[in-house]
Full PDB file with SEQRES, HELIX, SHEET, SSBOND, CRYST1, ORIGX, SCALE, CONECT and MASTER records, all heavy atoms in Angstrom:
SEQRES   1 A   42  ILE MET GLU THR ALA THR LYS ILE GLN ASP LEU SER PRO          
SEQRES   2 A   42  TYR LEU ALA GLN THR GLY PRO ALA LYS ARG ASN ASP LYS          
SEQRES   3 A   42  LYS THR ILE LYS LYS HIS LEU LYS ALA LEU GLU SER ASP          
SEQRES   4 A   42  HIS HIS LYS                                                  
HELIX    1 AA1 MET A    2  LYS A    7  1                                   6    
HELIX    2 AA2 PRO A   13  ALA A   16  1                                   4    
HELIX    3 AA3 LYS A   26  ALA A   35  1                                  10    
CRYST1    1.000    1.000    1.000  90.00  90.00  90.00 P 1           1          
ORIGX1      1.000000  0.000000  0.000000        0.00000                         
ORIGX2      0.000000  1.000000  0.000000        0.00000                         
ORIGX3      0.000000  0.000000  1.000000        0.00000                         
SCALE1      1.000000  0.000000  0.000000        0.00000                         
SCALE2      0.000000  1.000000  0.000000        0.00000                         
SCALE3      0.000000  0.000000  1.000000        0.00000                         
ATOM      1  N   ILE A   1       0.846  -1.216   0.017  1.00  0.00           N  
ATOM      2  CA  ILE A   1      -0.016  -0.020  -0.122  1.00  0.00           C  
ATOM      3  C   ILE A   1       0.827   1.267   0.026  1.00  0.00           C  
ATOM      4  O   ILE A   1       0.629   2.188  -0.788  1.00  0.00           O  
ATOM      5  CB  ILE A   1      -0.922   0.005   1.250  1.00  0.00           C  
ATOM      6  CG1 ILE A   1      -1.977  -1.145   1.053  1.00  0.00           C  
ATOM      7  CG2 ILE A   1      -1.637   1.415   1.397  1.00  0.00           C  
ATOM      8  CD1 ILE A   1      -2.831  -1.420   2.291  1.00  0.00           C  
ATOM      9  N   MET A   2       1.913   1.249   0.867  1.00  0.00           N  
ATOM     10  CA  MET A   2       2.763   2.444   0.936  1.00  0.00           C  
ATOM     11  C   MET A   2       3.594   2.608  -0.327  1.00  0.00           C  
ATOM     12  O   MET A   2       3.714   3.814  -0.830  1.00  0.00           O  
ATOM     13  CB  MET A   2       3.720   2.198   2.143  1.00  0.00           C  
ATOM     14  CG  MET A   2       3.038   2.182   3.444  1.00  0.00           C  
ATOM     15  SD  MET A   2       2.089   3.734   3.829  1.00  0.00           S  
ATOM     16  CE  MET A   2       3.440   4.939   3.824  1.00  0.00           C  
ATOM     17  N   GLU A   3       4.050   1.523  -0.909  1.00  0.00           N  
ATOM     18  CA  GLU A   3       4.814   1.647  -2.168  1.00  0.00           C  
ATOM     19  C   GLU A   3       3.957   2.169  -3.270  1.00  0.00           C  
ATOM     20  O   GLU A   3       4.433   2.990  -4.061  1.00  0.00           O  
ATOM     21  CB  GLU A   3       5.422   0.272  -2.514  1.00  0.00           C  
ATOM     22  CG  GLU A   3       6.161   0.241  -3.830  1.00  0.00           C  
ATOM     23  CD  GLU A   3       7.456   1.226  -3.975  1.00  0.00           C  
ATOM     24  OE1 GLU A   3       7.857   1.568  -2.759  1.00  0.00           O  
ATOM     25  OE2 GLU A   3       7.828   1.561  -4.952  1.00  0.00           O  
ATOM     26  N   THR A   4       2.694   1.766  -3.365  1.00  0.00           N  
ATOM     27  CA  THR A   4       1.753   2.281  -4.399  1.00  0.00           C  
ATOM     28  C   THR A   4       1.615   3.703  -4.283  1.00  0.00           C  
ATOM     29  O   THR A   4       1.609   4.496  -5.175  1.00  0.00           O  
ATOM     30  CB  THR A   4       0.466   1.479  -4.308  1.00  0.00           C  
ATOM     31  OG1 THR A   4       0.664   0.099  -4.491  1.00  0.00           O  
ATOM     32  CG2 THR A   4      -0.479   2.010  -5.419  1.00  0.00           C  
ATOM     33  N   ALA A   5       1.442   4.190  -3.065  1.00  0.00           N  
ATOM     34  CA  ALA A   5       1.198   5.556  -2.770  1.00  0.00           C  
ATOM     35  C   ALA A   5       2.446   6.383  -3.077  1.00  0.00           C  
ATOM     36  O   ALA A   5       2.357   7.573  -3.641  1.00  0.00           O  
ATOM     37  CB  ALA A   5       0.703   5.800  -1.305  1.00  0.00           C  
ATOM     38  N   THR A   6       3.626   5.807  -2.699  1.00  0.00           N  
ATOM     39  CA  THR A   6       4.912   6.593  -2.946  1.00  0.00           C  
ATOM     40  C   THR A   6       5.259   6.650  -4.383  1.00  0.00           C  
ATOM     41  O   THR A   6       5.716   7.669  -4.864  1.00  0.00           O  
ATOM     42  CB  THR A   6       5.980   5.731  -2.198  1.00  0.00           C  
ATOM     43  OG1 THR A   6       5.739   5.713  -0.819  1.00  0.00           O  
ATOM     44  CG2 THR A   6       7.321   6.483  -2.455  1.00  0.00           C  
ATOM     45  N   LYS A   7       4.864   5.672  -5.199  1.00  0.00           N  
ATOM     46  CA  LYS A   7       5.241   5.541  -6.592  1.00  0.00           C  
ATOM     47  C   LYS A   7       4.662   6.685  -7.410  1.00  0.00           C  
ATOM     48  O   LYS A   7       5.285   7.229  -8.356  1.00  0.00           O  
ATOM     49  CB  LYS A   7       4.820   4.131  -7.210  1.00  0.00           C  
ATOM     50  CG  LYS A   7       5.390   3.889  -8.467  1.00  0.00           C  
ATOM     51  CD  LYS A   7       5.426   2.404  -8.840  1.00  0.00           C  
ATOM     52  CE  LYS A   7       4.002   1.751  -8.644  1.00  0.00           C  
ATOM     53  NZ  LYS A   7       4.017   0.328  -9.082  1.00  0.00           N  
ATOM     54  N   ILE A   8       3.351   7.083  -7.057  1.00  0.00           N  
ATOM     55  CA  ILE A   8       2.775   8.063  -7.949  1.00  0.00           C  
ATOM     56  C   ILE A   8       3.236   9.575  -7.538  1.00  0.00           C  
ATOM     57  O   ILE A   8       2.844  10.514  -8.126  1.00  0.00           O  
ATOM     58  CB  ILE A   8       1.260   8.052  -7.805  1.00  0.00           C  
ATOM     59  CG1 ILE A   8       0.803   8.251  -6.374  1.00  0.00           C  
ATOM     60  CG2 ILE A   8       0.708   6.708  -8.305  1.00  0.00           C  
ATOM     61  CD1 ILE A   8      -0.761   8.624  -6.270  1.00  0.00           C  
ATOM     62  N   GLN A   9       4.248   9.638  -6.581  1.00  0.00           N  
ATOM     63  CA  GLN A   9       4.909  10.922  -6.332  1.00  0.00           C  
ATOM     64  C   GLN A   9       5.763  11.239  -7.629  1.00  0.00           C  
ATOM     65  O   GLN A   9       6.044  12.435  -7.790  1.00  0.00           O  
ATOM     66  CB  GLN A   9       5.768  10.934  -5.070  1.00  0.00           C  
ATOM     67  CG  GLN A   9       4.984  10.476  -3.768  1.00  0.00           C  
ATOM     68  CD  GLN A   9       3.768  11.434  -3.514  1.00  0.00           C  
ATOM     69  OE1 GLN A   9       3.873  12.691  -3.574  1.00  0.00           O  
ATOM     70  NE2 GLN A   9       2.599  10.867  -3.201  1.00  0.00           N  
ATOM     71  N   ASP A  10       6.260  10.218  -8.255  1.00  0.00           N  
ATOM     72  CA  ASP A  10       7.234  10.440  -9.377  1.00  0.00           C  
ATOM     73  C   ASP A  10       6.648   9.933 -10.674  1.00  0.00           C  
ATOM     74  O   ASP A  10       7.078  10.413 -11.719  1.00  0.00           O  
ATOM     75  CB  ASP A  10       8.497   9.670  -9.089  1.00  0.00           C  
ATOM     76  CG  ASP A  10       9.217  10.048  -7.885  1.00  0.00           C  
ATOM     77  OD1 ASP A  10       9.307  11.370  -7.711  1.00  0.00           O  
ATOM     78  OD2 ASP A  10       9.509   9.258  -7.002  1.00  0.00           O  
ATOM     79  N   LEU A  11       5.620   9.100 -10.723  1.00  0.00           N  
ATOM     80  CA  LEU A  11       4.966   8.523 -11.904  1.00  0.00           C  
ATOM     81  C   LEU A  11       3.542   8.955 -11.957  1.00  0.00           C  
ATOM     82  O   LEU A  11       2.920   9.126 -10.883  1.00  0.00           O  
ATOM     83  CB  LEU A  11       5.012   7.008 -11.920  1.00  0.00           C  
ATOM     84  CG  LEU A  11       6.477   6.403 -12.121  1.00  0.00           C  
ATOM     85  CD1 LEU A  11       6.272   4.869 -12.020  1.00  0.00           C  
ATOM     86  CD2 LEU A  11       7.111   6.726 -13.455  1.00  0.00           C  
ATOM     87  N   SER A  12       2.993   9.150 -13.147  1.00  0.00           N  
ATOM     88  CA  SER A  12       1.567   9.338 -13.244  1.00  0.00           C  
ATOM     89  C   SER A  12       0.876   7.981 -12.917  1.00  0.00           C  
ATOM     90  O   SER A  12       1.409   6.913 -13.104  1.00  0.00           O  
ATOM     91  CB  SER A  12       1.187   9.708 -14.700  1.00  0.00           C  
ATOM     92  OG  SER A  12       1.361   8.538 -15.568  1.00  0.00           O  
ATOM     93  N   PRO A  13      -0.421   8.034 -12.443  1.00  0.00           N  
ATOM     94  CA  PRO A  13      -1.166   6.865 -12.136  1.00  0.00           C  
ATOM     95  C   PRO A  13      -1.155   5.955 -13.322  1.00  0.00           C  
ATOM     96  O   PRO A  13      -1.160   4.697 -13.182  1.00  0.00           O  
ATOM     97  CB  PRO A  13      -2.520   7.328 -11.667  1.00  0.00           C  
ATOM     98  CG  PRO A  13      -2.229   8.617 -11.133  1.00  0.00           C  
ATOM     99  CD  PRO A  13      -1.124   9.238 -11.952  1.00  0.00           C  
ATOM    100  N   TYR A  14      -1.221   6.539 -14.550  1.00  0.00           N  
ATOM    101  CA  TYR A  14      -1.237   5.728 -15.767  1.00  0.00           C  
ATOM    102  C   TYR A  14      -0.027   4.809 -15.841  1.00  0.00           C  
ATOM    103  O   TYR A  14      -0.206   3.640 -16.113  1.00  0.00           O  
ATOM    104  CB  TYR A  14      -1.497   6.577 -16.983  1.00  0.00           C  
ATOM    105  CG  TYR A  14      -1.526   5.884 -18.275  1.00  0.00           C  
ATOM    106  CD1 TYR A  14      -2.744   5.353 -18.798  1.00  0.00           C  
ATOM    107  CD2 TYR A  14      -0.354   5.606 -18.997  1.00  0.00           C  
ATOM    108  CE1 TYR A  14      -2.744   4.661 -19.981  1.00  0.00           C  
ATOM    109  CE2 TYR A  14      -0.418   4.893 -20.230  1.00  0.00           C  
ATOM    110  CZ  TYR A  14      -1.609   4.411 -20.662  1.00  0.00           C  
ATOM    111  OH  TYR A  14      -1.696   3.774 -21.887  1.00  0.00           O  
ATOM    112  N   LEU A  15       1.167   5.431 -15.733  1.00  0.00           N  
ATOM    113  CA  LEU A  15       2.323   4.670 -15.838  1.00  0.00           C  
ATOM    114  C   LEU A  15       2.571   3.765 -14.704  1.00  0.00           C  
ATOM    115  O   LEU A  15       3.352   2.738 -14.791  1.00  0.00           O  
ATOM    116  CB  LEU A  15       3.572   5.719 -16.000  1.00  0.00           C  
ATOM    117  CG  LEU A  15       3.517   6.465 -17.207  1.00  0.00           C  
ATOM    118  CD1 LEU A  15       4.668   7.579 -17.250  1.00  0.00           C  
ATOM    119  CD2 LEU A  15       3.671   5.608 -18.512  1.00  0.00           C  
ATOM    120  N   ALA A  16       2.068   4.136 -13.577  1.00  0.00           N  
ATOM    121  CA  ALA A  16       2.302   3.177 -12.372  1.00  0.00           C  
ATOM    122  C   ALA A  16       1.443   2.010 -12.322  1.00  0.00           C  
ATOM    123  O   ALA A  16       1.727   1.136 -11.568  1.00  0.00           O  
ATOM    124  CB  ALA A  16       2.065   4.071 -11.094  1.00  0.00           C  
ATOM    125  N   GLN A  17       0.516   1.867 -13.216  1.00  0.00           N  
ATOM    126  CA  GLN A  17      -0.417   0.714 -13.148  1.00  0.00           C  
ATOM    127  C   GLN A  17       0.266  -0.610 -13.458  1.00  0.00           C  
ATOM    128  O   GLN A  17       1.005  -0.746 -14.449  1.00  0.00           O  
ATOM    129  CB  GLN A  17      -1.550   0.924 -14.153  1.00  0.00           C  
ATOM    130  CG  GLN A  17      -2.692  -0.138 -14.039  1.00  0.00           C  
ATOM    131  CD  GLN A  17      -3.510  -0.036 -12.805  1.00  0.00           C  
ATOM    132  OE1 GLN A  17      -4.094   0.902 -12.503  1.00  0.00           O  
ATOM    133  NE2 GLN A  17      -3.431  -1.194 -12.034  1.00  0.00           N  
ATOM    134  N   THR A  18       0.054  -1.565 -12.571  1.00  0.00           N  
ATOM    135  CA  THR A  18       0.464  -3.000 -12.892  1.00  0.00           C  
ATOM    136  C   THR A  18      -0.724  -3.924 -12.604  1.00  0.00           C  
ATOM    137  O   THR A  18      -1.750  -3.521 -12.372  1.00  0.00           O  
ATOM    138  CB  THR A  18       1.640  -3.289 -11.899  1.00  0.00           C  
ATOM    139  OG1 THR A  18       1.149  -3.230 -10.560  1.00  0.00           O  
ATOM    140  CG2 THR A  18       2.849  -2.357 -12.015  1.00  0.00           C  
ATOM    141  N   GLY A  19      -0.400  -5.262 -12.696  1.00  0.00           N  
ATOM    142  CA  GLY A  19      -1.384  -6.216 -12.378  1.00  0.00           C  
ATOM    143  C   GLY A  19      -1.988  -7.002 -13.522  1.00  0.00           C  
ATOM    144  O   GLY A  19      -1.719  -6.669 -14.683  1.00  0.00           O  
ATOM    145  N   PRO A  20      -2.760  -7.958 -13.257  1.00  0.00           N  
ATOM    146  CA  PRO A  20      -3.353  -8.837 -14.252  1.00  0.00           C  
ATOM    147  C   PRO A  20      -4.206  -8.171 -15.300  1.00  0.00           C  
ATOM    148  O   PRO A  20      -4.168  -8.541 -16.407  1.00  0.00           O  
ATOM    149  CB  PRO A  20      -4.089  -9.897 -13.452  1.00  0.00           C  
ATOM    150  CG  PRO A  20      -4.323  -9.305 -12.117  1.00  0.00           C  
ATOM    151  CD  PRO A  20      -3.170  -8.430 -11.884  1.00  0.00           C  
ATOM    152  N   ALA A  21      -4.990  -7.126 -14.802  1.00  0.00           N  
ATOM    153  CA  ALA A  21      -5.861  -6.474 -15.760  1.00  0.00           C  
ATOM    154  C   ALA A  21      -4.978  -5.632 -16.797  1.00  0.00           C  
ATOM    155  O   ALA A  21      -5.343  -5.640 -17.972  1.00  0.00           O  
ATOM    156  CB  ALA A  21      -6.814  -5.537 -15.053  1.00  0.00           C  
ATOM    157  N   LYS A  22      -3.919  -5.034 -16.299  1.00  0.00           N  
ATOM    158  CA  LYS A  22      -3.067  -4.193 -17.213  1.00  0.00           C  
ATOM    159  C   LYS A  22      -2.427  -5.098 -18.231  1.00  0.00           C  
ATOM    160  O   LYS A  22      -2.377  -4.751 -19.434  1.00  0.00           O  
ATOM    161  CB  LYS A  22      -1.966  -3.546 -16.221  1.00  0.00           C  
ATOM    162  CG  LYS A  22      -0.789  -3.013 -17.087  1.00  0.00           C  
ATOM    163  CD  LYS A  22      -1.067  -1.766 -17.832  1.00  0.00           C  
ATOM    164  CE  LYS A  22       0.106  -1.308 -18.637  1.00  0.00           C  
ATOM    165  NZ  LYS A  22       1.297  -0.966 -17.760  1.00  0.00           N  
ATOM    166  N   ARG A  23      -1.985  -6.298 -17.890  1.00  0.00           N  
ATOM    167  CA  ARG A  23      -1.328  -7.166 -18.823  1.00  0.00           C  
ATOM    168  C   ARG A  23      -2.346  -8.154 -19.458  1.00  0.00           C  
ATOM    169  O   ARG A  23      -1.757  -9.061 -20.250  1.00  0.00           O  
ATOM    170  CB  ARG A  23      -0.168  -7.959 -18.189  1.00  0.00           C  
ATOM    171  CG  ARG A  23      -0.555  -8.839 -16.996  1.00  0.00           C  
ATOM    172  CD  ARG A  23       0.689  -9.562 -16.303  1.00  0.00           C  
ATOM    173  NE  ARG A  23       0.301 -10.405 -15.277  1.00  0.00           N  
ATOM    174  CZ  ARG A  23       0.343 -10.099 -14.008  1.00  0.00           C  
ATOM    175  NH1 ARG A  23       0.694  -8.854 -13.663  1.00  0.00           N  
ATOM    176  NH2 ARG A  23      -0.072 -10.968 -13.042  1.00  0.00           N  
ATOM    177  N   ASN A  24      -3.547  -7.979 -19.123  1.00  0.00           N  
ATOM    178  CA  ASN A  24      -4.601  -8.806 -19.837  1.00  0.00           C  
ATOM    179  C   ASN A  24      -4.376 -10.377 -19.553  1.00  0.00           C  
ATOM    180  O   ASN A  24      -4.456 -11.216 -20.423  1.00  0.00           O  
ATOM    181  CB  ASN A  24      -4.641  -8.548 -21.267  1.00  0.00           C  
ATOM    182  CG  ASN A  24      -5.984  -9.025 -21.876  1.00  0.00           C  
ATOM    183  OD1 ASN A  24      -6.994  -9.074 -21.224  1.00  0.00           O  
ATOM    184  ND2 ASN A  24      -6.071  -9.412 -23.189  1.00  0.00           N  
ATOM    185  N   ASP A  25      -4.079 -10.621 -18.298  1.00  0.00           N  
ATOM    186  CA  ASP A  25      -3.717 -11.962 -17.854  1.00  0.00           C  
ATOM    187  C   ASP A  25      -5.148 -12.693 -17.539  1.00  0.00           C  
ATOM    188  O   ASP A  25      -5.549 -12.692 -16.373  1.00  0.00           O  
ATOM    189  CB  ASP A  25      -2.835 -11.930 -16.593  1.00  0.00           C  
ATOM    190  CG  ASP A  25      -2.510 -13.407 -16.165  1.00  0.00           C  
ATOM    191  OD1 ASP A  25      -3.051 -14.281 -16.616  1.00  0.00           O  
ATOM    192  OD2 ASP A  25      -1.628 -13.447 -15.324  1.00  0.00           O  
ATOM    193  N   LYS A  26      -5.773 -13.155 -18.547  1.00  0.00           N  
ATOM    194  CA  LYS A  26      -7.151 -13.835 -18.418  1.00  0.00           C  
ATOM    195  C   LYS A  26      -7.104 -15.005 -17.424  1.00  0.00           C  
ATOM    196  O   LYS A  26      -8.117 -15.164 -16.727  1.00  0.00           O  
ATOM    197  CB  LYS A  26      -7.657 -14.098 -19.735  1.00  0.00           C  
ATOM    198  CG  LYS A  26      -7.910 -12.950 -20.682  1.00  0.00           C  
ATOM    199  CD  LYS A  26      -8.412 -13.320 -22.046  1.00  0.00           C  
ATOM    200  CE  LYS A  26      -8.636 -12.187 -22.937  1.00  0.00           C  
ATOM    201  NZ  LYS A  26      -9.119 -12.600 -24.248  1.00  0.00           N  
ATOM    202  N   LYS A  27      -6.114 -15.833 -17.485  1.00  0.00           N  
ATOM    203  CA  LYS A  27      -6.050 -16.934 -16.655  1.00  0.00           C  
ATOM    204  C   LYS A  27      -6.153 -16.477 -15.172  1.00  0.00           C  
ATOM    205  O   LYS A  27      -6.826 -17.122 -14.403  1.00  0.00           O  
ATOM    206  CB  LYS A  27      -4.705 -17.723 -16.848  1.00  0.00           C  
ATOM    207  CG  LYS A  27      -4.706 -19.038 -16.268  1.00  0.00           C  
ATOM    208  CD  LYS A  27      -3.458 -19.918 -16.702  1.00  0.00           C  
ATOM    209  CE  LYS A  27      -3.387 -21.213 -15.978  1.00  0.00           C  
ATOM    210  NZ  LYS A  27      -2.220 -22.019 -16.503  1.00  0.00           N  
ATOM    211  N   THR A  28      -5.275 -15.521 -14.763  1.00  0.00           N  
ATOM    212  CA  THR A  28      -5.224 -15.111 -13.423  1.00  0.00           C  
ATOM    213  C   THR A  28      -6.567 -14.452 -12.994  1.00  0.00           C  
ATOM    214  O   THR A  28      -7.094 -14.708 -11.869  1.00  0.00           O  
ATOM    215  CB  THR A  28      -4.083 -14.111 -13.093  1.00  0.00           C  
ATOM    216  OG1 THR A  28      -2.802 -14.782 -13.428  1.00  0.00           O  
ATOM    217  CG2 THR A  28      -4.085 -13.654 -11.733  1.00  0.00           C  
ATOM    218  N   ILE A  29      -7.061 -13.641 -13.917  1.00  0.00           N  
ATOM    219  CA  ILE A  29      -8.366 -12.976 -13.639  1.00  0.00           C  
ATOM    220  C   ILE A  29      -9.511 -14.017 -13.330  1.00  0.00           C  
ATOM    221  O   ILE A  29     -10.258 -13.858 -12.397  1.00  0.00           O  
ATOM    222  CB  ILE A  29      -8.718 -12.085 -14.820  1.00  0.00           C  
ATOM    223  CG1 ILE A  29      -7.768 -10.932 -14.896  1.00  0.00           C  
ATOM    224  CG2 ILE A  29     -10.230 -11.548 -14.647  1.00  0.00           C  
ATOM    225  CD1 ILE A  29      -7.908 -10.113 -16.192  1.00  0.00           C  
ATOM    226  N   LYS A  30      -9.574 -15.110 -14.145  1.00  0.00           N  
ATOM    227  CA  LYS A  30     -10.513 -16.118 -13.942  1.00  0.00           C  
ATOM    228  C   LYS A  30     -10.333 -16.810 -12.570  1.00  0.00           C  
ATOM    229  O   LYS A  30     -11.267 -17.108 -11.812  1.00  0.00           O  
ATOM    230  CB  LYS A  30     -10.526 -17.210 -15.052  1.00  0.00           C  
ATOM    231  CG  LYS A  30     -11.019 -16.626 -16.361  1.00  0.00           C  
ATOM    232  CD  LYS A  30     -11.016 -17.770 -17.323  1.00  0.00           C  
ATOM    233  CE  LYS A  30     -11.640 -17.312 -18.724  1.00  0.00           C  
ATOM    234  NZ  LYS A  30     -11.584 -18.352 -19.793  1.00  0.00           N  
ATOM    235  N   LYS A  31      -9.072 -17.185 -12.184  1.00  0.00           N  
ATOM    236  CA  LYS A  31      -8.762 -17.665 -10.906  1.00  0.00           C  
ATOM    237  C   LYS A  31      -9.243 -16.800  -9.740  1.00  0.00           C  
ATOM    238  O   LYS A  31      -9.832 -17.295  -8.735  1.00  0.00           O  
ATOM    239  CB  LYS A  31      -7.267 -17.968 -10.768  1.00  0.00           C  
ATOM    240  CG  LYS A  31      -6.740 -19.048 -11.552  1.00  0.00           C  
ATOM    241  CD  LYS A  31      -5.211 -19.315 -11.332  1.00  0.00           C  
ATOM    242  CE  LYS A  31      -4.683 -20.527 -12.025  1.00  0.00           C  
ATOM    243  NZ  LYS A  31      -3.223 -20.703 -11.848  1.00  0.00           N  
ATOM    244  N   HIS A  32      -8.958 -15.505  -9.842  1.00  0.00           N  
ATOM    245  CA  HIS A  32      -9.403 -14.591  -8.779  1.00  0.00           C  
ATOM    246  C   HIS A  32     -10.968 -14.576  -8.679  1.00  0.00           C  
ATOM    247  O   HIS A  32     -11.365 -14.594  -7.515  1.00  0.00           O  
ATOM    248  CB  HIS A  32      -8.950 -13.210  -9.147  1.00  0.00           C  
ATOM    249  CG  HIS A  32      -7.437 -12.958  -8.959  1.00  0.00           C  
ATOM    250  ND1 HIS A  32      -6.737 -11.895  -9.276  1.00  0.00           N  
ATOM    251  CD2 HIS A  32      -6.461 -13.852  -8.338  1.00  0.00           C  
ATOM    252  CE1 HIS A  32      -5.417 -12.010  -9.012  1.00  0.00           C  
ATOM    253  NE2 HIS A  32      -5.278 -13.175  -8.391  1.00  0.00           N  
ATOM    254  N   LEU A  33     -11.637 -14.461  -9.776  1.00  0.00           N  
ATOM    255  CA  LEU A  33     -13.101 -14.473  -9.693  1.00  0.00           C  
ATOM    256  C   LEU A  33     -13.643 -15.740  -9.074  1.00  0.00           C  
ATOM    257  O   LEU A  33     -14.607 -15.707  -8.353  1.00  0.00           O  
ATOM    258  CB  LEU A  33     -13.576 -14.246 -11.114  1.00  0.00           C  
ATOM    259  CG  LEU A  33     -13.474 -12.872 -11.663  1.00  0.00           C  
ATOM    260  CD1 LEU A  33     -13.855 -12.744 -13.178  1.00  0.00           C  
ATOM    261  CD2 LEU A  33     -14.395 -11.863 -10.887  1.00  0.00           C  
ATOM    262  N   LYS A  34     -13.003 -16.874  -9.424  1.00  0.00           N  
ATOM    263  CA  LYS A  34     -13.505 -18.142  -8.875  1.00  0.00           C  
ATOM    264  C   LYS A  34     -13.210 -18.188  -7.304  1.00  0.00           C  
ATOM    265  O   LYS A  34     -13.982 -18.736  -6.616  1.00  0.00           O  
ATOM    266  CB  LYS A  34     -12.735 -19.339  -9.582  1.00  0.00           C  
ATOM    267  CG  LYS A  34     -13.216 -20.661  -9.145  1.00  0.00           C  
ATOM    268  CD  LYS A  34     -12.542 -21.894  -9.925  1.00  0.00           C  
ATOM    269  CE  LYS A  34     -13.101 -23.192  -9.529  1.00  0.00           C  
ATOM    270  NZ  LYS A  34     -12.413 -24.253 -10.239  1.00  0.00           N  
ATOM    271  N   ALA A  35     -12.144 -17.557  -6.958  1.00  0.00           N  
ATOM    272  CA  ALA A  35     -11.668 -17.607  -5.520  1.00  0.00           C  
ATOM    273  C   ALA A  35     -12.612 -16.758  -4.648  1.00  0.00           C  
ATOM    274  O   ALA A  35     -12.740 -16.926  -3.493  1.00  0.00           O  
ATOM    275  CB  ALA A  35     -10.249 -17.197  -5.327  1.00  0.00           C  
ATOM    276  N   LEU A  36     -13.173 -15.593  -5.269  1.00  0.00           N  
ATOM    277  CA  LEU A  36     -13.962 -14.636  -4.512  1.00  0.00           C  
ATOM    278  C   LEU A  36     -15.332 -15.306  -4.227  1.00  0.00           C  
ATOM    279  O   LEU A  36     -16.117 -15.736  -5.099  1.00  0.00           O  
ATOM    280  CB  LEU A  36     -14.251 -13.413  -5.274  1.00  0.00           C  
ATOM    281  CG  LEU A  36     -12.931 -12.512  -5.488  1.00  0.00           C  
ATOM    282  CD1 LEU A  36     -13.218 -11.442  -6.458  1.00  0.00           C  
ATOM    283  CD2 LEU A  36     -12.542 -11.915  -4.133  1.00  0.00           C  
ATOM    284  N   GLU A  37     -15.708 -15.399  -2.915  1.00  0.00           N  
ATOM    285  CA  GLU A  37     -16.965 -16.006  -2.491  1.00  0.00           C  
ATOM    286  C   GLU A  37     -18.144 -14.993  -2.518  1.00  0.00           C  
ATOM    287  O   GLU A  37     -19.293 -15.395  -2.626  1.00  0.00           O  
ATOM    288  CB  GLU A  37     -16.780 -16.466  -1.085  1.00  0.00           C  
ATOM    289  CG  GLU A  37     -15.730 -17.666  -1.034  1.00  0.00           C  
ATOM    290  CD  GLU A  37     -15.583 -18.278   0.404  1.00  0.00           C  
ATOM    291  OE1 GLU A  37     -16.278 -17.722   1.329  1.00  0.00           O  
ATOM    292  OE2 GLU A  37     -14.881 -19.269   0.484  1.00  0.00           O  
ATOM    293  N   SER A  38     -17.774 -13.704  -2.364  1.00  0.00           N  
ATOM    294  CA  SER A  38     -18.871 -12.676  -2.261  1.00  0.00           C  
ATOM    295  C   SER A  38     -19.199 -12.191  -3.749  1.00  0.00           C  
ATOM    296  O   SER A  38     -18.296 -11.724  -4.421  1.00  0.00           O  
ATOM    297  CB  SER A  38     -18.387 -11.589  -1.436  1.00  0.00           C  
ATOM    298  OG  SER A  38     -19.241 -10.405  -1.618  1.00  0.00           O  
ATOM    299  N   ASP A  39     -20.484 -12.186  -4.087  1.00  0.00           N  
ATOM    300  CA  ASP A  39     -20.906 -11.590  -5.398  1.00  0.00           C  
ATOM    301  C   ASP A  39     -20.570 -10.130  -5.381  1.00  0.00           C  
ATOM    302  O   ASP A  39     -20.263  -9.537  -6.500  1.00  0.00           O  
ATOM    303  CB  ASP A  39     -22.349 -11.826  -5.552  1.00  0.00           C  
ATOM    304  CG  ASP A  39     -22.692 -13.281  -6.009  1.00  0.00           C  
ATOM    305  OD1 ASP A  39     -21.762 -14.005  -6.316  1.00  0.00           O  
ATOM    306  OD2 ASP A  39     -23.874 -13.617  -5.970  1.00  0.00           O  
ATOM    307  N   HIS A  40     -20.689  -9.455  -4.293  1.00  0.00           N  
ATOM    308  CA  HIS A  40     -20.300  -8.031  -4.189  1.00  0.00           C  
ATOM    309  C   HIS A  40     -18.877  -7.814  -4.577  1.00  0.00           C  
ATOM    310  O   HIS A  40     -18.555  -6.915  -5.253  1.00  0.00           O  
ATOM    311  CB  HIS A  40     -20.629  -7.568  -2.788  1.00  0.00           C  
ATOM    312  CG  HIS A  40     -20.263  -6.110  -2.437  1.00  0.00           C  
ATOM    313  ND1 HIS A  40     -20.773  -5.143  -3.206  1.00  0.00           N  
ATOM    314  CD2 HIS A  40     -19.413  -5.592  -1.647  1.00  0.00           C  
ATOM    315  CE1 HIS A  40     -20.248  -3.956  -2.718  1.00  0.00           C  
ATOM    316  NE2 HIS A  40     -19.369  -4.271  -1.829  1.00  0.00           N  
ATOM    317  N   HIS A  41     -18.024  -8.615  -4.009  1.00  0.00           N  
ATOM    318  CA  HIS A  41     -16.558  -8.452  -4.314  1.00  0.00           C  
ATOM    319  C   HIS A  41     -16.326  -8.849  -5.823  1.00  0.00           C  
ATOM    320  O   HIS A  41     -15.452  -8.166  -6.319  1.00  0.00           O  
ATOM    321  CB  HIS A  41     -15.741  -9.444  -3.361  1.00  0.00           C  
ATOM    322  CG  HIS A  41     -15.789  -8.984  -1.949  1.00  0.00           C  
ATOM    323  ND1 HIS A  41     -15.219  -9.800  -0.893  1.00  0.00           N  
ATOM    324  CD2 HIS A  41     -16.233  -7.926  -1.337  1.00  0.00           C  
ATOM    325  CE1 HIS A  41     -15.456  -9.097   0.250  1.00  0.00           C  
ATOM    326  NE2 HIS A  41     -16.002  -8.059  -0.023  1.00  0.00           N  
ATOM    327  N   LYS A  42     -16.936  -9.809  -6.314  1.00  0.00           N  
ATOM    328  CA  LYS A  42     -16.792 -10.169  -7.724  1.00  0.00           C  
ATOM    329  C   LYS A  42     -17.184  -9.054  -8.595  1.00  0.00           C  
ATOM    330  O   LYS A  42     -16.427  -8.655  -9.532  1.00  0.00           O  
ATOM    331  CB  LYS A  42     -17.660 -11.400  -8.019  1.00  0.00           C  
ATOM    332  CG  LYS A  42     -17.213 -12.714  -7.637  1.00  0.00           C  
ATOM    333  CD  LYS A  42     -18.188 -13.803  -8.084  1.00  0.00           C  
ATOM    334  CE  LYS A  42     -17.611 -15.272  -8.039  1.00  0.00           C  
ATOM    335  NZ  LYS A  42     -17.579 -15.662  -6.550  1.00  0.00           N  
TER     336      LYS A  42                                                      
MASTER        0    0    0    3    0    0    0    6  335    1    0    4          
END                                                                             
């Protein structure tokens, strides 16, 4: 959490974005959705 907040002191939020959605990692996204038990969280 702290590193994410610190990073945008020097980078734009656009450039700082990482993660499965950014890299279009469909396999990981499907795993995450399957692991989430709450429809609200899904």
